[in-house]
PDB file of N, CA and C in Angstrom:
ATOM      1  N   MET A   1      50.194  -6.182 -50.061  1.00  0.00           N
ATOM      2  CA  MET A   1      50.876  -5.719 -48.873  1.00  0.00           C
ATOM      3  C   MET A   1      52.286  -6.304 -48.878  1.00  0.00           C
ATOM      4  N   LYS A   2      53.255  -5.496 -48.480  1.00  0.00           N
ATOM      5  CA  LYS A   2      54.642  -5.955 -48.407  1.00  0.00           C
ATOM      6  C   LYS A   2      54.972  -6.340 -46.969  1.00  0.00           C
ATOM      7  N   ILE A   3      55.556  -7.508 -46.815  1.00  0.00           N
ATOM      8  CA  ILE A   3      55.946  -8.027 -45.509  1.00  0.00           C
ATOM      9  C   ILE A   3      57.431  -8.385 -45.556  1.00  0.00           C
ATOM     10  N   THR A   4      58.161  -8.085 -44.497  1.00  0.00           N
ATOM     11  CA  THR A   4      59.565  -8.464 -44.387  1.00  0.00           C
ATOM     12  C   THR A   4      59.706  -9.534 -43.315  1.00  0.00           C
ATOM     13  N   ALA A   5      60.319 -10.647 -43.703  1.00  0.00           N
ATOM     14  CA  ALA A   5      60.632 -11.718 -42.753  1.00  0.00           C
ATOM     15  C   ALA A   5      62.066 -11.514 -42.274  1.00  0.00           C
ATOM     16  N   ILE A   6      62.288 -11.721 -40.988  1.00  0.00           N
ATOM     17  CA  ILE A   6      63.610 -11.512 -40.407  1.00  0.00           C
ATOM     18  C   ILE A   6      64.127 -12.850 -39.895  1.00  0.00           C
ATOM     19  N   TYR A   7      65.367 -13.161 -40.263  1.00  0.00           N
ATOM     20  CA  TYR A   7      66.013 -14.410 -39.868  1.00  0.00           C
ATOM     21  C   TYR A   7      67.324 -14.088 -39.167  1.00  0.00           C
ATOM     22  N   GLN A   8      67.665 -14.878 -38.151  1.00  0.00           N
ATOM     23  CA  GLN A   8      68.913 -14.703 -37.413  1.00  0.00           C
ATOM     24  C   GLN A   8      69.772 -15.945 -37.603  1.00  0.00           C
ATOM     25  N   ARG A   9      71.057 -15.743 -37.808  1.00  0.00           N
ATOM     26  CA  ARG A   9      71.977 -16.873 -37.962  1.00  0.00           C
ATOM     27  C   ARG A   9      71.993 -17.682 -36.670  1.00  0.00           C
ATOM     28  N   LYS A  10      71.965 -19.003 -36.799  1.00  0.00           N
ATOM     29  CA  LYS A  10      71.995 -19.877 -35.617  1.00  0.00           C
ATOM     30  C   LYS A  10      73.263 -19.592 -34.820  1.00  0.00           C
ATOM     31  N   GLY A  11      73.105 -19.439 -33.518  1.00  0.00           N
ATOM     32  CA  GLY A  11      74.248 -19.221 -32.641  1.00  0.00           C
ATOM     33  C   GLY A  11      74.707 -17.773 -32.552  1.00  0.00           C
ATOM     34  N   ALA A  12      74.075 -16.869 -33.292  1.00  0.00           N
ATOM     35  CA  ALA A  12      74.480 -15.459 -33.249  1.00  0.00           C
ATOM     36  C   ALA A  12      73.992 -14.822 -31.953  1.00  0.00           C
ATOM     37  N   ASN A  13      74.794 -13.942 -31.413  1.00  0.00           N
ATOM     38  CA  ASN A  13      74.439 -13.216 -30.205  1.00  0.00           C
ATOM     39  C   ASN A  13      73.512 -12.066 -30.599  1.00  0.00           C
ATOM     40  N   PRO A  14      72.248 -12.067 -30.127  1.00  0.00           N
ATOM     41  CA  PRO A  14      71.322 -11.012 -30.533  1.00  0.00           C
ATOM     42  C   PRO A  14      71.689  -9.624 -30.015  1.00  0.00           C
ATOM     43  N   PHE A  15      72.631  -9.546 -29.081  1.00  0.00           N
ATOM     44  CA  PHE A  15      73.030  -8.254 -28.526  1.00  0.00           C
ATOM     45  C   PHE A  15      74.307  -7.714 -29.178  1.00  0.00           C
ATOM     46  N   LEU A  16      74.959  -8.519 -29.994  1.00  0.00           N
ATOM     47  CA  LEU A  16      76.155  -8.091 -30.726  1.00  0.00           C
ATOM     48  C   LEU A  16      75.896  -8.308 -32.207  1.00  0.00           C
ATOM     49  N   GLU A  17      75.252  -7.347 -32.823  1.00  0.00           N
ATOM     50  CA  GLU A  17      74.889  -7.493 -34.232  1.00  0.00           C
ATOM     51  C   GLU A  17      76.110  -7.297 -35.126  1.00  0.00           C
ATOM     52  N   ARG A  18      76.390  -8.305 -35.929  1.00  0.00           N
ATOM     53  CA  ARG A  18      77.490  -8.250 -36.889  1.00  0.00           C
ATOM     54  C   ARG A  18      76.950  -8.531 -38.282  1.00  0.00           C
ATOM     55  N   GLU A  19      77.697  -8.135 -39.286  1.00  0.00           N
ATOM     56  CA  GLU A  19      77.281  -8.358 -40.665  1.00  0.00           C
ATOM     57  C   GLU A  19      77.071  -9.855 -40.899  1.00  0.00           C
ATOM     58  N   GLY A  20      75.952 -10.196 -41.466  1.00  0.00           N
ATOM     59  CA  GLY A  20      75.646 -11.591 -41.753  1.00  0.00           C
ATOM     60  C   GLY A  20      74.870 -12.301 -40.652  1.00  0.00           C
ATOM     61  N   ASP A  21      74.712 -11.647 -39.500  1.00  0.00           N
ATOM     62  CA  ASP A  21      73.961 -12.267 -38.407  1.00  0.00           C
ATOM     63  C   ASP A  21      72.463 -12.311 -38.716  1.00  0.00           C
ATOM     64  N   TYR A  22      71.993 -11.351 -39.513  1.00  0.00           N
ATOM     65  CA  TYR A  22      70.568 -11.267 -39.831  1.00  0.00           C
ATOM     66  C   TYR A  22      70.360 -11.196 -41.331  1.00  0.00           C
ATOM     67  N   LYS A  23      69.252 -11.783 -41.779  1.00  0.00           N
ATOM     68  CA  LYS A  23      68.812 -11.650 -43.160  1.00  0.00           C
ATOM     69  C   LYS A  23      67.397 -11.127 -43.119  1.00  0.00           C
ATOM     70  N   ARG A  24      67.098 -10.239 -44.041  1.00  0.00           N
ATOM     71  CA  ARG A  24      65.756  -9.701 -44.173  1.00  0.00           C
ATOM     72  C   ARG A  24      65.304  -9.957 -45.600  1.00  0.00           C
ATOM     73  N   VAL A  25      64.130 -10.560 -45.739  1.00  0.00           N
ATOM     74  CA  VAL A  25      63.578 -10.877 -47.052  1.00  0.00           C
ATOM     75  C   VAL A  25      62.189 -10.255 -47.140  1.00  0.00           C
ATOM     76  N   THR A  26      61.989  -9.409 -48.148  1.00  0.00           N
ATOM     77  CA  THR A  26      60.712  -8.734 -48.322  1.00  0.00           C
ATOM     78  C   THR A  26      59.949  -9.376 -49.469  1.00  0.00           C
ATOM     79  N   GLY A  27      58.655  -9.611 -49.231  1.00  0.00           N
ATOM     80  CA  GLY A  27      57.808 -10.191 -50.261  1.00  0.00           C
ATOM     81  C   GLY A  27      56.441  -9.540 -50.255  1.00  0.00           C
ATOM     82  N   ARG A  28      55.706  -9.770 -51.316  1.00  0.00           N
ATOM     83  CA  ARG A  28      54.340  -9.239 -51.437  1.00  0.00           C
ATOM     84  C   ARG A  28      53.353 -10.348 -51.110  1.00  0.00           C
ATOM     85  N   VAL A  29      52.370 -10.012 -50.276  1.00  0.00           N
ATOM     86  CA  VAL A  29      51.361 -10.973 -49.840  1.00  0.00           C
ATOM     87  C   VAL A  29      49.995 -10.447 -50.266  1.00  0.00           C
ATOM     88  N   PRO A  30      49.183 -11.287 -50.919  1.00  0.00           N
ATOM     89  CA  PRO A  30      47.849 -10.831 -51.327  1.00  0.00           C
ATOM     90  C   PRO A  30      46.986 -10.456 -50.120  1.00  0.00           C
ATOM     91  N   ALA A  31      46.091  -9.531 -50.320  1.00  0.00           N
ATOM     92  CA  ALA A  31      45.158  -9.138 -49.259  1.00  0.00           C
ATOM     93  C   ALA A  31      44.331 -10.349 -48.844  1.00  0.00           C
ATOM     94  N   GLY A  32      43.995 -10.415 -47.587  1.00  0.00           N
ATOM     95  CA  GLY A  32      43.170 -11.515 -47.103  1.00  0.00           C
ATOM     96  C   GLY A  32      43.937 -12.586 -46.347  1.00  0.00           C
ATOM     97  N   TYR A  33      45.264 -12.585 -46.451  1.00  0.00           N
ATOM     98  CA  TYR A  33      46.055 -13.554 -45.692  1.00  0.00           C
ATOM     99  C   TYR A  33      46.124 -13.098 -44.239  1.00  0.00           C
ATOM    100  N   ASP A  34      46.036 -14.044 -43.313  1.00  0.00           N
ATOM    101  CA  ASP A  34      46.179 -13.658 -41.909  1.00  0.00           C
ATOM    102  C   ASP A  34      47.625 -13.890 -41.472  1.00  0.00           C
ATOM    103  N   VAL A  35      47.962 -13.404 -40.297  1.00  0.00           N
ATOM    104  CA  VAL A  35      49.337 -13.448 -39.802  1.00  0.00           C
ATOM    105  C   VAL A  35      49.849 -14.886 -39.707  1.00  0.00           C
ATOM    106  N   ASP A  36      49.006 -15.819 -39.303  1.00  0.00           N
ATOM    107  CA  ASP A  36      49.431 -17.216 -39.176  1.00  0.00           C
ATOM    108  C   ASP A  36      49.842 -17.804 -40.517  1.00  0.00           C
ATOM    109  N   GLU A  37      49.094 -17.482 -41.579  1.00  0.00           N
ATOM    110  CA  GLU A  37      49.447 -17.977 -42.915  1.00  0.00           C
ATOM    111  C   GLU A  37      50.770 -17.375 -43.383  1.00  0.00           C
ATOM    112  N   ILE A  38      50.917 -16.090 -43.195  1.00  0.00           N
ATOM    113  CA  ILE A  38      52.152 -15.411 -43.615  1.00  0.00           C
ATOM    114  C   ILE A  38      53.340 -15.969 -42.845  1.00  0.00           C
ATOM    115  N   GLU A  39      53.181 -16.149 -41.539  1.00  0.00           N
ATOM    116  CA  GLU A  39      54.257 -16.697 -40.710  1.00  0.00           C
ATOM    117  C   GLU A  39      54.616 -18.114 -41.151  1.00  0.00           C
ATOM    118  N   HIS A  40      53.633 -18.909 -41.495  1.00  0.00           N
ATOM    119  CA  HIS A  40      53.873 -20.273 -41.972  1.00  0.00           C
ATOM    120  C   HIS A  40      54.764 -20.263 -43.218  1.00  0.00           C
ATOM    121  N   TYR A  41      54.440 -19.389 -44.178  1.00  0.00           N
ATOM    122  CA  TYR A  41      55.250 -19.296 -45.398  1.00  0.00           C
ATOM    123  C   TYR A  41      56.657 -18.786 -45.095  1.00  0.00           C
ATOM    124  N   ALA A  42      56.769 -17.819 -44.197  1.00  0.00           N
ATOM    125  CA  ALA A  42      58.087 -17.272 -43.847  1.00  0.00           C
ATOM    126  C   ALA A  42      58.955 -18.330 -43.174  1.00  0.00           C
ATOM    127  N   ILE A  43      58.364 -19.131 -42.293  1.00  0.00           N
ATOM    128  CA  ILE A  43      59.124 -20.196 -41.621  1.00  0.00           C
ATOM    129  C   ILE A  43      59.568 -21.245 -42.634  1.00  0.00           C
ATOM    130  N   ALA A  44      58.694 -21.585 -43.571  1.00  0.00           N
ATOM    131  CA  ALA A  44      59.036 -22.574 -44.595  1.00  0.00           C
ATOM    132  C   ALA A  44      60.177 -22.092 -45.494  1.00  0.00           C
ATOM    133  N   ALA A  45      60.346 -20.781 -45.607  1.00  0.00           N
ATOM    134  CA  ALA A  45      61.381 -20.215 -46.478  1.00  0.00           C
ATOM    135  C   ALA A  45      62.665 -19.870 -45.724  1.00  0.00           C
ATOM    136  N   THR A  46      62.806 -20.311 -44.482  1.00  0.00           N
ATOM    137  CA  THR A  46      63.986 -19.981 -43.679  1.00  0.00           C
ATOM    138  C   THR A  46      65.260 -20.486 -44.359  1.00  0.00           C
ATOM    139  N   PRO A  47      66.225 -19.592 -44.579  1.00  0.00           N
ATOM    140  CA  PRO A  47      67.492 -20.009 -45.201  1.00  0.00           C
ATOM    141  C   PRO A  47      68.242 -21.002 -44.299  1.00  0.00           C
ATOM    142  N   ILE A  48      69.009 -21.871 -44.910  1.00  0.00           N
ATOM    143  CA  ILE A  48      69.816 -22.854 -44.170  1.00  0.00           C
ATOM    144  C   ILE A  48      70.805 -22.114 -43.274  1.00  0.00           C
ATOM    145  N   GLY A  49      70.880 -22.543 -42.016  1.00  0.00           N
ATOM    146  CA  GLY A  49      71.792 -21.931 -41.059  1.00  0.00           C
ATOM    147  C   GLY A  49      71.199 -20.763 -40.295  1.00  0.00           C
ATOM    148  N   TYR A  50      69.923 -20.458 -40.550  1.00  0.00           N
ATOM    149  CA  TYR A  50      69.258 -19.345 -39.876  1.00  0.00           C
ATOM    150  C   TYR A  50      68.001 -19.846 -39.178  1.00  0.00           C
ATOM    151  N   VAL A  51      67.482 -19.051 -38.247  1.00  0.00           N
ATOM    152  CA  VAL A  51      66.209 -19.331 -37.590  1.00  0.00           C
ATOM    153  C   VAL A  51      65.289 -18.136 -37.826  1.00  0.00           C
ATOM    154  N   PHE A  52      64.008 -18.409 -37.923  1.00  0.00           N
ATOM    155  CA  PHE A  52      63.012 -17.363 -38.124  1.00  0.00           C
ATOM    156  C   PHE A  52      62.872 -16.540 -36.852  1.00  0.00           C
ATOM    157  N   VAL A  53      62.904 -15.199 -36.988  1.00  0.00           N
ATOM    158  CA  VAL A  53      62.797 -14.313 -35.843  1.00  0.00           C
ATOM    159  C   VAL A  53      61.427 -13.631 -35.801  1.00  0.00           C
ATOM    160  N   GLY A  54      60.967 -13.134 -36.929  1.00  0.00           N
ATOM    161  CA  GLY A  54      59.683 -12.448 -36.914  1.00  0.00           C
ATOM    162  C   GLY A  54      59.353 -11.784 -38.236  1.00  0.00           C
ATOM    163  N   LEU A  55      58.234 -11.076 -38.213  1.00  0.00           N
ATOM    164  CA  LEU A  55      57.739 -10.380 -39.387  1.00  0.00           C
ATOM    165  C   LEU A  55      57.576  -8.902 -39.072  1.00  0.00           C
ATOM    166  N   GLU A  56      57.693  -8.076 -40.108  1.00  0.00           N
ATOM    167  CA  GLU A  56      57.333  -6.675 -39.963  1.00  0.00           C
ATOM    168  C   GLU A  56      56.725  -6.214 -41.275  1.00  0.00           C
ATOM    169  N   ARG A  57      55.837  -5.279 -41.167  1.00  0.00           N
ATOM    170  CA  ARG A  57      55.179  -4.747 -42.355  1.00  0.00           C
ATOM    171  C   ARG A  57      56.116  -3.751 -43.041  1.00  0.00           C
ATOM    172  N   ALA A  58      56.323  -3.939 -44.323  1.00  0.00           N
ATOM    173  CA  ALA A  58      57.192  -3.036 -45.097  1.00  0.00           C
ATOM    174  C   ALA A  58      56.318  -2.005 -45.799  1.00  0.00           C
ATOM    175  N   GLU A  59      56.812  -0.829 -45.959  1.00  0.00           N
ATOM    176  CA  GLU A  59      56.038   0.225 -46.621  1.00  0.00           C
ATOM    177  C   GLU A  59      56.429   0.349 -48.055  1.00  0.00           C
TER     178      GLU A  59
END
């Protein structure tokens, strides 16, 4: 399954989206992982200067 993690730059205004305010990283997760495990890995991989926003399923 493909999952996309979304990160927002620290201090960015979520209502004024500008280039570089968000990063999206897509990865493949083996079947059987639950949302908490996937979220844990996504948070651990947060780029410097960004905060974890959420996950979405990629097709």
